[in-house]
Amino acid sequence: MIQTTVDTRSTTCLLVQYVCMAIIGSSIVCLALYRNRRLLTVTNIYVLAFAMGDIFIATVVFPFSVIASVLREWPFNDYFAQFYGYITYVWGGVSIYTTLWY
């Protein structure tokens, strides 16, 4: 019989780890393309655009999602909720449209 282990990390810990890994991984992609100019092909510029979008999402959108998930309610005002929804929608669209243009 296969013995399985239970993940005992909290939801907050998991969300913070995902945010950190998104920032670190996308930063490494940007750094690799910055350090080695031969990698700047058309395809890799699209990858760079995805990485920069991921960094933006991880630094601007995810922290507020983490806070709302931990508190289990939206602690910010209605205007910020509208702005948050707009930014999430716009950057999701940027990611999708970048894919479609390729």
Protein backbone atom coordinates (compact mmCIF):
# COMPACT_ATOMS: atom_id res chain seq x y z
CA MET A 1 0.00 0.00 0.00
CA ILE A 2 1.24 3.48 -0.82
CA GLN A 3 1.55 5.71 2.18
CA THR A 4 0.49 9.28 1.55
CA THR A 5 1.42 12.29 3.59
CA VAL A 6 -0.89 15.13 4.44
CA ASP A 7 0.18 18.68 3.65
CA THR A 8 -0.10 20.56 6.91
CA ARG A 9 0.75 24.02 5.57
CA SER A 10 -1.87 26.69 6.04
CA THR A 11 -3.61 28.39 3.16
CA THR A 12 -1.81 31.62 3.98
CA CYS A 13 1.57 29.92 3.82
CA LEU A 14 0.73 28.35 0.46
CA LEU A 15 -0.47 31.64 -1.02
CA VAL A 16 2.65 33.47 0.13
CA GLN A 17 4.84 30.72 -1.31
CA TYR A 18 3.05 30.91 -4.66
CA VAL A 19 3.50 34.68 -4.80
CA CYS A 20 7.19 34.42 -3.95
CA MET A 21 7.78 31.69 -6.51
CA ALA A 22 5.98 33.68 -9.22
CA ILE A 23 8.15 36.71 -8.52
CA ILE A 24 11.40 34.74 -8.32
CA GLY A 25 10.72 32.59 -11.39
CA SER A 26 9.63 35.48 -13.57
CA SER A 27 12.56 37.60 -12.39
CA ILE A 28 14.96 34.83 -13.40
CA VAL A 29 13.45 34.78 -16.88
CA CYS A 30 13.84 38.57 -17.19
CA LEU A 31 17.40 38.39 -15.88
CA ALA A 32 18.35 35.64 -18.34
CA LEU A 33 17.05 37.65 -21.28
CA TYR A 34 18.76 40.80 -20.01
CA ARG A 35 22.13 39.14 -19.47
CA ASN A 36 22.23 37.20 -22.76
CA ARG A 37 21.22 39.44 -25.64
CA ARG A 38 21.35 36.54 -28.11
CA LEU A 39 18.20 35.20 -26.47
CA LEU A 40 16.19 38.22 -27.63
CA THR A 41 14.26 36.51 -30.39
CA VAL A 42 10.66 37.28 -31.26
CA THR A 43 9.43 34.25 -29.34
CA ASN A 44 11.45 35.12 -26.26
CA ILE A 45 10.12 38.66 -26.28
CA TYR A 46 6.67 37.14 -25.85
CA VAL A 47 8.03 35.04 -22.98
CA LEU A 48 9.48 38.25 -21.51
CA ALA A 49 6.08 39.91 -21.79
CA PHE A 50 4.49 37.00 -19.91
CA ALA A 51 7.18 37.15 -17.23
CA MET A 52 6.70 40.88 -16.74
CA GLY A 53 2.94 40.40 -16.55
CA ASP A 54 3.41 37.67 -13.96
CA ILE A 55 5.64 39.93 -11.88
CA PHE A 56 3.02 42.67 -12.02
CA ILE A 57 0.22 40.31 -11.06
CA ALA A 58 2.28 38.77 -8.24
CA THR A 59 3.21 42.14 -6.78
CA VAL A 60 0.02 44.14 -7.32
CA VAL A 61 -2.92 41.71 -7.48
CA PHE A 62 -1.96 38.64 -5.41
CA PRO A 63 -1.20 40.41 -2.11
CA PHE A 64 -4.75 41.74 -1.93
CA SER A 65 -6.09 38.29 -2.79
CA VAL A 66 -4.02 36.82 0.03
CA ILE A 67 -5.30 39.41 2.50
CA ALA A 68 -8.91 38.83 1.48
CA SER A 69 -8.45 35.05 1.62
CA VAL A 70 -6.93 35.17 5.10
CA LEU A 71 -9.58 37.49 6.49
CA ARG A 72 -12.36 35.75 4.53
CA GLU A 73 -13.83 39.13 3.62
CA TRP A 74 -12.88 42.13 1.50
CA PRO A 75 -11.38 44.63 3.96
CA PHE A 76 -10.91 47.44 1.46
CA ASN A 77 -13.41 50.03 0.24
CA ASP A 78 -15.67 49.70 -2.78
CA TYR A 79 -13.56 51.97 -5.00
CA PHE A 80 -10.52 49.83 -4.46
CA ALA A 81 -12.58 46.72 -5.19
CA GLN A 82 -13.53 48.22 -8.55
CA PHE A 83 -9.91 49.14 -9.28
CA TYR A 84 -8.75 45.66 -8.21
CA GLY A 85 -11.26 44.02 -10.54
CA TYR A 86 -10.23 46.31 -13.39
CA ILE A 87 -6.51 45.63 -12.95
CA THR A 88 -7.10 41.88 -12.73
CA TYR A 89 -9.21 41.96 -15.89
CA VAL A 90 -6.77 44.17 -17.82
CA TRP A 91 -3.66 42.13 -17.01
CA GLY A 92 -5.49 38.90 -17.72
CA GLY A 93 -6.44 40.37 -21.09
CA VAL A 94 -2.86 41.47 -21.74
CA SER A 95 -1.70 37.93 -21.15
CA ILE A 96 -4.36 36.45 -23.42
CA TYR A 97 -3.88 38.99 -26.21
CA THR A 98 -0.12 38.49 -26.14
CA THR A 99 -0.75 34.81 -26.77
CA LEU A 100 -3.16 35.52 -29.63
CA TRP A 101 -0.79 37.87 -31.42
CA TYR A 102 1.87 35.22 -31.63
